N, C-alpha and C. Protein backbone atom coordinates (compact mmCIF):
# COMPACT_ATOMS: atom_id res chain seq x y z
N MET A 1 -27.46 15.75 34.90
CA MET A 1 -26.55 15.61 33.76
C MET A 1 -27.31 15.15 32.52
N THR A 2 -26.94 15.69 31.38
CA THR A 2 -27.49 15.17 30.13
C THR A 2 -26.85 13.83 29.83
N GLU A 3 -27.43 13.09 28.91
CA GLU A 3 -26.85 11.79 28.55
C GLU A 3 -25.49 11.99 27.88
N PHE A 4 -25.31 13.07 27.13
CA PHE A 4 -23.99 13.36 26.54
C PHE A 4 -22.97 13.61 27.65
N GLU A 5 -23.35 14.33 28.68
CA GLU A 5 -22.44 14.59 29.79
C GLU A 5 -22.11 13.31 30.54
N ARG A 6 -23.12 12.45 30.75
CA ARG A 6 -22.89 11.16 31.41
C ARG A 6 -21.94 10.31 30.57
N MET A 7 -22.20 10.26 29.28
CA MET A 7 -21.36 9.47 28.38
C MET A 7 -19.92 9.97 28.41
N SER A 8 -19.73 11.26 28.26
CA SER A 8 -18.39 11.85 28.21
C SER A 8 -17.64 11.70 29.53
N ALA A 9 -18.40 11.59 30.64
CA ALA A 9 -17.80 11.44 31.96
C ALA A 9 -17.52 9.99 32.32
N GLY A 10 -17.82 9.06 31.43
CA GLY A 10 -17.53 7.66 31.68
C GLY A 10 -18.55 6.93 32.51
N LYS A 11 -19.78 7.45 32.58
CA LYS A 11 -20.84 6.79 33.33
C LYS A 11 -21.74 5.99 32.38
N LEU A 12 -22.48 5.03 32.92
CA LEU A 12 -23.48 4.35 32.12
C LEU A 12 -24.46 5.39 31.58
N TYR A 13 -24.81 5.24 30.31
CA TYR A 13 -25.69 6.23 29.71
C TYR A 13 -26.71 5.56 28.80
N ASP A 14 -27.73 6.30 28.46
CA ASP A 14 -28.82 5.80 27.63
C ASP A 14 -28.44 5.96 26.16
N THR A 15 -28.07 4.88 25.52
CA THR A 15 -27.63 4.93 24.12
C THR A 15 -28.75 5.32 23.17
N SER A 16 -30.00 5.21 23.63
CA SER A 16 -31.14 5.54 22.77
C SER A 16 -31.58 7.00 22.91
N ASP A 17 -30.87 7.76 23.75
CA ASP A 17 -31.23 9.17 23.97
C ASP A 17 -31.35 9.90 22.63
N LYS A 18 -32.42 10.66 22.47
CA LYS A 18 -32.70 11.30 21.18
C LYS A 18 -31.64 12.32 20.79
N GLU A 19 -31.13 13.06 21.76
CA GLU A 19 -30.10 14.04 21.45
C GLU A 19 -28.81 13.36 20.98
N LEU A 20 -28.45 12.26 21.64
CA LEU A 20 -27.27 11.51 21.21
C LEU A 20 -27.46 10.94 19.82
N ALA A 21 -28.66 10.40 19.58
CA ALA A 21 -28.95 9.85 18.26
C ALA A 21 -28.83 10.92 17.18
N LYS A 22 -29.30 12.11 17.49
CA LYS A 22 -29.22 13.23 16.55
C LYS A 22 -27.76 13.62 16.30
N MET A 23 -26.95 13.63 17.36
CA MET A 23 -25.54 13.97 17.21
C MET A 23 -24.79 12.92 16.39
N ARG A 24 -25.09 11.65 16.64
CA ARG A 24 -24.44 10.58 15.87
C ARG A 24 -24.81 10.67 14.39
N CYS A 25 -26.07 10.91 14.13
CA CYS A 25 -26.55 11.01 12.74
C CYS A 25 -25.83 12.17 12.03
N LYS A 26 -25.71 13.29 12.71
CA LYS A 26 -25.02 14.44 12.12
C LYS A 26 -23.57 14.10 11.83
N ALA A 27 -22.88 13.47 12.80
CA ALA A 27 -21.47 13.13 12.61
C ALA A 27 -21.29 12.14 11.47
N HIS A 28 -22.20 11.15 11.37
CA HIS A 28 -22.08 10.16 10.31
C HIS A 28 -22.30 10.79 8.94
N LYS A 29 -23.24 11.72 8.85
CA LYS A 29 -23.48 12.41 7.59
C LYS A 29 -22.29 13.27 7.19
N LEU A 30 -21.71 13.98 8.17
CA LEU A 30 -20.56 14.83 7.89
C LEU A 30 -19.35 14.00 7.49
N ALA A 31 -19.17 12.87 8.16
CA ALA A 31 -18.05 12.00 7.79
C ALA A 31 -18.22 11.49 6.36
N ARG A 32 -19.43 11.10 6.02
CA ARG A 32 -19.68 10.63 4.65
C ARG A 32 -19.42 11.74 3.63
N ALA A 33 -19.84 12.96 3.97
CA ALA A 33 -19.61 14.09 3.07
C ALA A 33 -18.12 14.35 2.91
N TYR A 34 -17.38 14.29 4.00
CA TYR A 34 -15.93 14.49 3.95
C TYR A 34 -15.27 13.41 3.10
N ASN A 35 -15.70 12.18 3.30
CA ASN A 35 -15.12 11.05 2.57
C ASN A 35 -15.40 11.12 1.07
N ASN A 36 -16.45 11.84 0.71
CA ASN A 36 -16.83 11.95 -0.71
C ASN A 36 -16.20 13.16 -1.40
N THR A 37 -15.32 13.86 -0.70
CA THR A 37 -14.61 14.97 -1.32
C THR A 37 -13.25 14.51 -1.81
N ASP A 38 -12.68 15.28 -2.73
CA ASP A 38 -11.35 15.01 -3.24
C ASP A 38 -10.33 15.91 -2.56
N GLU A 39 -9.08 15.51 -2.61
CA GLU A 39 -8.03 16.25 -1.92
C GLU A 39 -7.88 17.67 -2.42
N ASP A 40 -8.21 17.91 -3.69
CA ASP A 40 -8.05 19.28 -4.21
C ASP A 40 -9.25 20.18 -3.89
N GLU A 41 -10.25 19.63 -3.18
CA GLU A 41 -11.38 20.44 -2.72
C GLU A 41 -11.08 20.93 -1.30
N GLU A 42 -10.01 21.66 -1.17
CA GLU A 42 -9.47 21.99 0.14
C GLU A 42 -10.44 22.80 1.00
N GLU A 43 -11.06 23.81 0.42
CA GLU A 43 -11.97 24.65 1.20
C GLU A 43 -13.19 23.87 1.66
N LYS A 44 -13.74 23.05 0.78
CA LYS A 44 -14.91 22.25 1.13
C LYS A 44 -14.58 21.25 2.24
N ARG A 45 -13.44 20.59 2.11
CA ARG A 45 -13.01 19.63 3.13
C ARG A 45 -12.80 20.32 4.48
N ALA A 46 -12.17 21.49 4.45
CA ALA A 46 -11.92 22.22 5.69
C ALA A 46 -13.21 22.64 6.37
N GLU A 47 -14.18 23.06 5.57
CA GLU A 47 -15.47 23.49 6.11
C GLU A 47 -16.20 22.32 6.78
N ILE A 48 -16.21 21.18 6.11
CA ILE A 48 -16.87 20.00 6.68
C ILE A 48 -16.17 19.57 7.96
N LEU A 49 -14.84 19.56 7.92
CA LEU A 49 -14.08 19.08 9.07
C LEU A 49 -14.24 19.99 10.28
N ARG A 50 -14.36 21.30 10.06
CA ARG A 50 -14.59 22.23 11.18
C ARG A 50 -15.90 21.93 11.89
N GLU A 51 -16.90 21.51 11.13
CA GLU A 51 -18.18 21.18 11.73
C GLU A 51 -18.16 19.80 12.38
N LEU A 52 -17.50 18.85 11.72
CA LEU A 52 -17.43 17.48 12.24
C LEU A 52 -16.56 17.40 13.49
N CYS A 53 -15.38 18.01 13.42
CA CYS A 53 -14.40 17.93 14.51
C CYS A 53 -13.95 19.34 14.88
N PRO A 54 -14.72 20.04 15.68
CA PRO A 54 -14.41 21.45 15.97
C PRO A 54 -13.20 21.64 16.88
N ASN A 55 -12.64 20.54 17.41
CA ASN A 55 -11.54 20.66 18.36
C ASN A 55 -10.21 20.16 17.80
N LEU A 56 -10.01 20.37 16.49
CA LEU A 56 -8.74 20.01 15.87
C LEU A 56 -7.75 21.16 16.00
N GLY A 57 -6.50 20.82 16.31
CA GLY A 57 -5.46 21.84 16.40
C GLY A 57 -5.00 22.31 15.03
N LYS A 58 -4.35 23.45 15.03
CA LYS A 58 -3.84 24.05 13.79
C LYS A 58 -2.92 23.08 13.06
N GLY A 59 -3.13 22.97 11.74
CA GLY A 59 -2.26 22.14 10.92
C GLY A 59 -2.57 20.66 10.94
N THR A 60 -3.62 20.25 11.64
CA THR A 60 -3.98 18.83 11.68
C THR A 60 -4.70 18.44 10.40
N TYR A 61 -4.34 17.27 9.86
CA TYR A 61 -4.87 16.83 8.57
C TYR A 61 -5.35 15.38 8.69
N LEU A 62 -6.59 15.15 8.28
CA LEU A 62 -7.15 13.80 8.23
C LEU A 62 -7.33 13.42 6.78
N GLN A 63 -6.59 12.43 6.34
CA GLN A 63 -6.63 12.03 4.94
C GLN A 63 -8.02 11.59 4.50
N GLY A 64 -8.67 10.80 5.34
CA GLY A 64 -9.95 10.21 4.97
C GLY A 64 -9.74 8.96 4.13
N PRO A 65 -10.69 8.04 4.08
CA PRO A 65 -11.97 8.11 4.79
C PRO A 65 -11.80 8.10 6.32
N VAL A 66 -12.76 8.74 6.98
CA VAL A 66 -12.81 8.76 8.43
C VAL A 66 -14.21 8.34 8.89
N GLN A 67 -14.28 7.92 10.15
CA GLN A 67 -15.59 7.64 10.75
C GLN A 67 -15.54 8.04 12.21
N PHE A 68 -16.51 8.86 12.62
CA PHE A 68 -16.62 9.29 14.01
C PHE A 68 -18.01 8.97 14.52
N ASP A 69 -18.10 8.73 15.84
CA ASP A 69 -19.42 8.62 16.46
C ASP A 69 -20.02 10.01 16.70
N TYR A 70 -19.18 10.94 17.19
CA TYR A 70 -19.68 12.27 17.52
C TYR A 70 -18.79 13.39 16.95
N GLY A 71 -17.51 13.18 16.89
CA GLY A 71 -16.60 14.19 16.37
C GLY A 71 -16.20 15.23 17.39
N VAL A 72 -17.14 15.68 18.19
CA VAL A 72 -16.88 16.77 19.14
C VAL A 72 -15.99 16.34 20.30
N ASN A 73 -15.87 15.04 20.54
CA ASN A 73 -15.01 14.53 21.62
C ASN A 73 -13.63 14.13 21.11
N PHE A 74 -13.30 14.51 19.88
CA PHE A 74 -11.98 14.25 19.32
C PHE A 74 -11.20 15.55 19.38
N ILE A 75 -10.14 15.56 20.19
CA ILE A 75 -9.40 16.79 20.48
C ILE A 75 -7.94 16.56 20.13
N THR A 76 -7.38 17.43 19.29
CA THR A 76 -5.98 17.24 18.91
C THR A 76 -5.16 18.49 19.17
N GLY A 77 -3.85 18.28 19.28
CA GLY A 77 -2.92 19.39 19.28
C GLY A 77 -2.64 19.82 17.85
N GLU A 78 -1.51 20.45 17.66
CA GLU A 78 -1.17 20.97 16.34
C GLU A 78 -0.41 19.94 15.50
N ASN A 79 -0.61 20.05 14.18
CA ASN A 79 0.19 19.31 13.20
C ASN A 79 0.10 17.79 13.36
N CYS A 80 -1.09 17.31 13.64
CA CYS A 80 -1.33 15.87 13.67
C CYS A 80 -1.72 15.40 12.27
N TYR A 81 -1.51 14.11 12.01
CA TYR A 81 -1.82 13.55 10.70
C TYR A 81 -2.39 12.16 10.88
N ALA A 82 -3.48 11.87 10.16
CA ALA A 82 -4.05 10.52 10.15
C ALA A 82 -4.22 10.07 8.71
N ASN A 83 -3.75 8.88 8.41
CA ASN A 83 -3.83 8.31 7.07
C ASN A 83 -5.22 7.71 6.83
N PHE A 84 -5.35 6.93 5.76
CA PHE A 84 -6.64 6.38 5.34
C PHE A 84 -7.32 5.56 6.44
N TYR A 85 -8.67 5.65 6.47
CA TYR A 85 -9.53 4.77 7.28
C TYR A 85 -9.30 4.89 8.78
N LEU A 86 -9.35 6.12 9.27
CA LEU A 86 -9.32 6.35 10.71
C LEU A 86 -10.72 6.19 11.28
N VAL A 87 -10.85 5.40 12.35
CA VAL A 87 -12.11 5.23 13.06
C VAL A 87 -11.93 5.73 14.50
N VAL A 88 -12.78 6.68 14.90
CA VAL A 88 -12.74 7.22 16.26
C VAL A 88 -14.14 7.15 16.84
N LEU A 89 -14.35 6.24 17.77
CA LEU A 89 -15.65 6.12 18.43
C LEU A 89 -15.59 6.94 19.71
N ASP A 90 -15.74 8.25 19.53
CA ASP A 90 -15.46 9.20 20.60
C ASP A 90 -16.62 9.40 21.57
N CYS A 91 -17.06 8.30 22.16
CA CYS A 91 -18.08 8.39 23.22
C CYS A 91 -17.50 9.03 24.47
N ALA A 92 -16.21 8.84 24.68
CA ALA A 92 -15.45 9.58 25.69
C ALA A 92 -14.39 10.38 24.95
N PRO A 93 -13.80 11.38 25.59
CA PRO A 93 -12.80 12.19 24.90
C PRO A 93 -11.61 11.37 24.40
N VAL A 94 -11.21 11.63 23.17
CA VAL A 94 -9.99 11.08 22.58
C VAL A 94 -9.08 12.26 22.32
N THR A 95 -7.97 12.34 23.06
CA THR A 95 -7.11 13.52 23.04
C THR A 95 -5.74 13.18 22.49
N LEU A 96 -5.33 13.90 21.46
CA LEU A 96 -4.01 13.75 20.86
C LEU A 96 -3.18 14.99 21.17
N GLY A 97 -1.89 14.79 21.44
CA GLY A 97 -0.99 15.91 21.62
C GLY A 97 -0.58 16.50 20.29
N ASN A 98 0.52 17.21 20.28
CA ASN A 98 1.05 17.78 19.05
C ASN A 98 1.84 16.74 18.26
N ASP A 99 1.84 16.87 16.94
CA ASP A 99 2.71 16.07 16.07
C ASP A 99 2.48 14.57 16.21
N VAL A 100 1.23 14.17 16.35
CA VAL A 100 0.88 12.74 16.40
C VAL A 100 0.62 12.25 14.98
N PHE A 101 1.26 11.15 14.61
CA PHE A 101 1.07 10.53 13.30
C PHE A 101 0.29 9.23 13.49
N ILE A 102 -0.73 9.03 12.66
CA ILE A 102 -1.56 7.82 12.73
C ILE A 102 -1.58 7.17 11.36
N GLY A 103 -1.17 5.92 11.30
CA GLY A 103 -1.12 5.19 10.04
C GLY A 103 -2.51 4.75 9.58
N PRO A 104 -2.58 4.09 8.41
CA PRO A 104 -3.88 3.66 7.88
C PRO A 104 -4.52 2.58 8.74
N ASN A 105 -5.85 2.55 8.68
CA ASN A 105 -6.65 1.49 9.32
C ASN A 105 -6.46 1.43 10.84
N CYS A 106 -6.36 2.60 11.47
CA CYS A 106 -6.25 2.63 12.93
C CYS A 106 -7.60 2.93 13.56
N GLN A 107 -7.79 2.40 14.78
CA GLN A 107 -9.05 2.56 15.49
C GLN A 107 -8.79 3.05 16.91
N LEU A 108 -9.48 4.10 17.30
CA LEU A 108 -9.41 4.63 18.66
C LEU A 108 -10.80 4.43 19.27
N VAL A 109 -10.90 3.51 20.24
CA VAL A 109 -12.22 2.99 20.62
C VAL A 109 -12.48 3.05 22.13
N PRO A 110 -13.00 4.18 22.63
CA PRO A 110 -13.34 4.30 24.05
C PRO A 110 -14.50 3.43 24.55
N PRO A 111 -15.52 3.04 23.73
CA PRO A 111 -16.68 2.36 24.28
C PRO A 111 -16.34 1.04 24.98
N VAL A 112 -17.06 0.78 26.06
CA VAL A 112 -16.91 -0.47 26.81
C VAL A 112 -18.28 -1.08 27.03
N HIS A 113 -18.39 -2.38 26.75
CA HIS A 113 -19.63 -3.11 26.99
C HIS A 113 -19.42 -4.07 28.17
N PRO A 114 -20.47 -4.38 28.93
CA PRO A 114 -20.34 -5.28 30.07
C PRO A 114 -19.82 -6.65 29.67
N LEU A 115 -19.05 -7.27 30.55
CA LEU A 115 -18.55 -8.63 30.30
C LEU A 115 -19.65 -9.68 30.47
N LEU A 116 -20.58 -9.44 31.40
CA LEU A 116 -21.66 -10.40 31.64
C LEU A 116 -22.69 -10.30 30.52
N SER A 117 -22.98 -11.42 29.90
CA SER A 117 -23.87 -11.41 28.74
C SER A 117 -25.27 -10.90 29.10
N GLU A 118 -25.73 -11.21 30.32
CA GLU A 118 -27.07 -10.76 30.71
C GLU A 118 -27.13 -9.24 30.87
N GLU A 119 -25.98 -8.61 31.08
CA GLU A 119 -25.93 -7.15 31.16
C GLU A 119 -25.62 -6.52 29.80
N ARG A 120 -25.08 -7.32 28.89
CA ARG A 120 -24.66 -6.80 27.58
C ARG A 120 -25.79 -6.86 26.55
N LYS A 121 -26.83 -7.56 26.83
CA LYS A 121 -27.91 -7.76 25.85
C LYS A 121 -28.65 -6.47 25.54
N ILE A 122 -29.46 -6.51 24.50
CA ILE A 122 -30.31 -5.38 24.15
C ILE A 122 -31.53 -5.36 25.05
N TYR A 123 -31.83 -4.18 25.61
CA TYR A 123 -33.01 -3.98 26.44
C TYR A 123 -34.03 -3.16 25.64
N PHE A 124 -35.27 -3.16 26.13
CA PHE A 124 -36.32 -2.41 25.45
C PHE A 124 -37.09 -1.58 26.46
N LYS A 125 -37.31 -0.31 26.10
CA LYS A 125 -38.15 0.56 26.93
C LYS A 125 -39.61 0.21 26.73
N GLU A 126 -40.48 0.82 27.54
CA GLU A 126 -41.90 0.52 27.45
C GLU A 126 -42.48 0.82 26.07
N ASP A 127 -41.88 1.81 25.39
CA ASP A 127 -42.39 2.14 24.05
C ASP A 127 -41.75 1.30 22.94
N GLY A 128 -40.92 0.32 23.34
CA GLY A 128 -40.29 -0.57 22.36
C GLY A 128 -38.92 -0.11 21.88
N THR A 129 -38.44 1.04 22.35
CA THR A 129 -37.14 1.55 21.92
C THR A 129 -36.01 0.67 22.47
N PRO A 130 -35.13 0.18 21.61
CA PRO A 130 -34.01 -0.64 22.09
C PRO A 130 -32.87 0.21 22.63
N TYR A 131 -32.15 -0.32 23.61
CA TYR A 131 -30.96 0.34 24.14
C TYR A 131 -30.08 -0.72 24.78
N ASP A 132 -28.83 -0.34 25.06
CA ASP A 132 -27.94 -1.27 25.74
C ASP A 132 -27.22 -0.54 26.86
N LYS A 133 -26.62 -1.30 27.77
CA LYS A 133 -25.85 -0.72 28.88
C LYS A 133 -24.42 -0.53 28.39
N GLU A 134 -23.99 0.71 28.37
CA GLU A 134 -22.69 1.02 27.78
C GLU A 134 -22.06 2.20 28.52
N TYR A 135 -20.74 2.20 28.56
CA TYR A 135 -20.01 3.35 29.06
C TYR A 135 -18.73 3.48 28.25
N ALA A 136 -17.93 4.50 28.53
CA ALA A 136 -16.74 4.73 27.74
C ALA A 136 -15.62 5.26 28.62
N LYS A 137 -14.37 4.97 28.19
CA LYS A 137 -13.18 5.45 28.90
C LYS A 137 -12.34 6.29 27.95
N PRO A 138 -11.78 7.39 28.43
CA PRO A 138 -11.02 8.28 27.55
C PRO A 138 -9.72 7.67 27.06
N ILE A 139 -9.22 8.22 25.96
CA ILE A 139 -7.93 7.85 25.39
C ILE A 139 -7.08 9.11 25.30
N VAL A 140 -5.81 8.99 25.68
CA VAL A 140 -4.87 10.11 25.57
C VAL A 140 -3.62 9.62 24.86
N ILE A 141 -3.22 10.33 23.81
CA ILE A 141 -2.01 9.99 23.06
C ILE A 141 -1.09 11.19 23.09
N GLY A 142 0.12 11.00 23.61
CA GLY A 142 1.03 12.11 23.88
C GLY A 142 1.68 12.70 22.65
N ASP A 143 2.34 13.84 22.85
CA ASP A 143 3.05 14.53 21.78
C ASP A 143 4.03 13.58 21.08
N GLY A 144 4.14 13.73 19.77
CA GLY A 144 5.19 13.07 19.03
C GLY A 144 5.04 11.58 18.84
N CYS A 145 3.85 11.05 19.07
CA CYS A 145 3.65 9.61 18.90
C CYS A 145 3.38 9.24 17.44
N TRP A 146 3.70 8.01 17.11
CA TRP A 146 3.36 7.44 15.80
C TRP A 146 2.68 6.11 16.03
N LEU A 147 1.43 6.01 15.60
CA LEU A 147 0.72 4.73 15.58
C LEU A 147 0.86 4.18 14.17
N ALA A 148 1.53 3.06 14.02
CA ALA A 148 1.73 2.47 12.69
C ALA A 148 0.42 1.82 12.21
N SER A 149 0.46 1.24 11.03
CA SER A 149 -0.75 0.72 10.38
C SER A 149 -1.50 -0.28 11.26
N GLY A 150 -2.82 -0.15 11.26
CA GLY A 150 -3.67 -1.17 11.88
C GLY A 150 -3.64 -1.23 13.39
N VAL A 151 -3.29 -0.14 14.06
CA VAL A 151 -3.26 -0.13 15.53
C VAL A 151 -4.66 0.14 16.08
N THR A 152 -5.02 -0.60 17.12
CA THR A 152 -6.25 -0.36 17.86
C THR A 152 -5.88 0.11 19.28
N VAL A 153 -6.43 1.24 19.69
CA VAL A 153 -6.22 1.73 21.06
C VAL A 153 -7.55 1.65 21.79
N CYS A 154 -7.55 0.92 22.90
CA CYS A 154 -8.78 0.69 23.66
C CYS A 154 -9.01 1.79 24.69
N GLY A 155 -10.26 1.89 25.14
CA GLY A 155 -10.63 2.90 26.11
C GLY A 155 -9.85 2.79 27.40
N GLY A 156 -9.54 3.95 27.99
CA GLY A 156 -8.84 4.00 29.26
C GLY A 156 -7.34 4.04 29.14
N VAL A 157 -6.82 4.03 27.91
CA VAL A 157 -5.38 3.95 27.67
C VAL A 157 -4.77 5.35 27.52
N THR A 158 -3.61 5.54 28.13
CA THR A 158 -2.77 6.71 27.89
C THR A 158 -1.45 6.24 27.29
N ILE A 159 -1.09 6.80 26.13
CA ILE A 159 0.19 6.51 25.50
C ILE A 159 1.08 7.72 25.72
N GLY A 160 2.26 7.50 26.28
CA GLY A 160 3.15 8.60 26.62
C GLY A 160 3.73 9.29 25.41
N LYS A 161 4.50 10.32 25.65
CA LYS A 161 5.07 11.14 24.58
C LYS A 161 6.13 10.36 23.79
N ASN A 162 6.22 10.68 22.50
CA ASN A 162 7.31 10.22 21.64
C ASN A 162 7.42 8.70 21.54
N CYS A 163 6.27 8.04 21.55
CA CYS A 163 6.24 6.58 21.41
C CYS A 163 5.98 6.18 19.97
N VAL A 164 6.41 4.96 19.63
CA VAL A 164 6.03 4.32 18.38
C VAL A 164 5.30 3.03 18.74
N ILE A 165 4.09 2.87 18.18
CA ILE A 165 3.30 1.67 18.41
C ILE A 165 3.33 0.86 17.12
N GLY A 166 3.85 -0.35 17.17
CA GLY A 166 4.07 -1.18 15.99
C GLY A 166 2.77 -1.57 15.29
N ALA A 167 2.90 -1.84 14.00
CA ALA A 167 1.74 -2.18 13.17
C ALA A 167 0.96 -3.36 13.73
N GLY A 168 -0.36 -3.25 13.69
CA GLY A 168 -1.24 -4.33 14.12
C GLY A 168 -1.40 -4.49 15.61
N SER A 169 -0.84 -3.59 16.39
CA SER A 169 -0.91 -3.72 17.85
C SER A 169 -2.29 -3.40 18.39
N VAL A 170 -2.62 -4.03 19.51
CA VAL A 170 -3.84 -3.72 20.25
C VAL A 170 -3.42 -3.21 21.63
N VAL A 171 -3.62 -1.92 21.85
CA VAL A 171 -3.12 -1.27 23.07
C VAL A 171 -4.22 -1.29 24.12
N THR A 172 -4.00 -2.09 25.16
CA THR A 172 -5.01 -2.27 26.21
C THR A 172 -4.59 -1.65 27.54
N LYS A 173 -3.30 -1.28 27.66
CA LYS A 173 -2.79 -0.70 28.91
C LYS A 173 -1.89 0.48 28.58
N ASP A 174 -1.65 1.32 29.58
CA ASP A 174 -0.84 2.52 29.39
C ASP A 174 0.57 2.17 28.90
N ILE A 175 1.12 3.07 28.08
CA ILE A 175 2.47 2.93 27.55
C ILE A 175 3.28 4.14 28.02
N PRO A 176 4.48 3.94 28.59
CA PRO A 176 5.27 5.07 29.09
C PRO A 176 5.90 5.88 27.96
N ASP A 177 6.48 7.00 28.30
CA ASP A 177 7.11 7.88 27.31
C ASP A 177 8.28 7.19 26.61
N GLY A 178 8.46 7.56 25.34
CA GLY A 178 9.72 7.30 24.65
C GLY A 178 10.08 5.86 24.37
N VAL A 179 9.08 5.02 24.09
CA VAL A 179 9.39 3.60 23.85
C VAL A 179 8.77 3.14 22.53
N PHE A 180 9.35 2.04 22.02
CA PHE A 180 8.71 1.29 20.95
C PHE A 180 7.95 0.15 21.61
N ALA A 181 6.66 0.06 21.31
CA ALA A 181 5.81 -0.98 21.89
C ALA A 181 5.01 -1.63 20.77
N ALA A 182 4.74 -2.93 20.91
CA ALA A 182 4.03 -3.63 19.86
C ALA A 182 3.42 -4.91 20.41
N GLY A 183 2.49 -5.47 19.63
CA GLY A 183 1.92 -6.78 19.97
C GLY A 183 0.46 -6.72 20.35
N ASN A 184 -0.09 -7.89 20.61
CA ASN A 184 -1.48 -8.04 21.04
C ASN A 184 -1.52 -9.04 22.19
N PRO A 185 -1.61 -8.52 23.45
CA PRO A 185 -1.72 -7.10 23.80
C PRO A 185 -0.38 -6.39 23.64
N CYS A 186 -0.44 -5.08 23.42
CA CYS A 186 0.75 -4.28 23.17
C CYS A 186 1.63 -4.21 24.42
N LYS A 187 2.93 -4.46 24.22
CA LYS A 187 3.89 -4.39 25.32
C LYS A 187 5.11 -3.60 24.90
N VAL A 188 5.79 -3.02 25.87
CA VAL A 188 7.02 -2.28 25.60
C VAL A 188 8.09 -3.25 25.10
N ILE A 189 8.69 -2.91 23.95
CA ILE A 189 9.78 -3.72 23.40
C ILE A 189 11.12 -3.16 23.84
N ARG A 190 11.30 -1.84 23.68
CA ARG A 190 12.57 -1.21 24.07
C ARG A 190 12.42 0.30 24.04
N PRO A 191 13.37 1.01 24.67
CA PRO A 191 13.38 2.48 24.55
C PRO A 191 13.74 2.90 23.13
N ILE A 192 13.25 4.07 22.72
CA ILE A 192 13.71 4.67 21.48
C ILE A 192 14.92 5.54 21.81
N MET A 193 16.01 5.34 21.03
CA MET A 193 17.29 5.98 21.35
C MET A 193 17.78 6.84 20.19
N GLN A 194 18.75 7.67 20.47
CA GLN A 194 19.35 8.49 19.43
C GLN A 194 19.96 7.63 18.33
N ALA A 195 20.34 6.41 18.67
CA ALA A 195 20.91 5.48 17.68
C ALA A 195 19.87 5.09 16.63
N ASP A 196 18.59 5.39 16.87
CA ASP A 196 17.55 5.09 15.89
C ASP A 196 17.42 6.17 14.82
N SER A 197 18.21 7.20 14.88
CA SER A 197 18.12 8.31 13.93
C SER A 197 18.27 7.84 12.49
N VAL A 198 17.44 8.35 11.61
CA VAL A 198 17.55 8.00 10.18
C VAL A 198 18.88 8.48 9.61
N TYR A 199 19.48 9.50 10.21
CA TYR A 199 20.73 10.05 9.69
C TYR A 199 21.93 9.12 9.95
N LEU A 200 21.71 8.09 10.76
CA LEU A 200 22.75 7.10 10.98
C LEU A 200 22.60 5.88 10.07
N LYS A 201 21.56 5.88 9.23
CA LYS A 201 21.33 4.76 8.33
C LYS A 201 21.89 5.12 6.95
N LYS A 202 23.11 4.70 6.69
CA LYS A 202 23.81 5.10 5.46
C LYS A 202 23.08 4.66 4.21
N GLU A 203 22.33 3.56 4.30
CA GLU A 203 21.64 3.06 3.12
C GLU A 203 20.51 3.98 2.65
N LEU A 204 20.14 4.94 3.48
CA LEU A 204 19.08 5.86 3.10
C LEU A 204 19.59 7.07 2.33
N PHE A 205 20.90 7.20 2.21
CA PHE A 205 21.46 8.40 1.58
C PHE A 205 22.34 8.03 0.40
């Protein structure tokens, strides 16, 4: 297995691998280029984004600024939207369904570091190259979800379909379909019901 394959499969991998370093550098440069474009530069933005994130579904829009570790492990369905300052550390696959909305300042973070400090430290190869022991767990976000502002989703988490995750939440465990969940750590608050329809809120009309 290549180190990219090991990383994507959730195994310990060599963070100093030259091919991975090259991929990260490319993704960081492309993200910076994307972030330096204006909204009316539609063709330029689309071209950069196709190279940075080749697995975006039709109609998906990233407002920017964005930051990716690799970009290629970010996979979305159709018509997804992410607001300002999306961070995706896609060392493992981060998969979004259709119609996923992501608020500003959200982070999707698969990487995992050892809990034991002696295993978490920086190591050095014989040639002096630094590396650390690291692995990653995938993230899956179901169709129709909305992550409100400032949500962090940790590696290994699956969020079910049609969920709303409250602002500032840190999602450390799976969330079932069709619920409003919030907090740190994020917990289910209640089911989302038809009574939540905006059309029942007279003050909005």
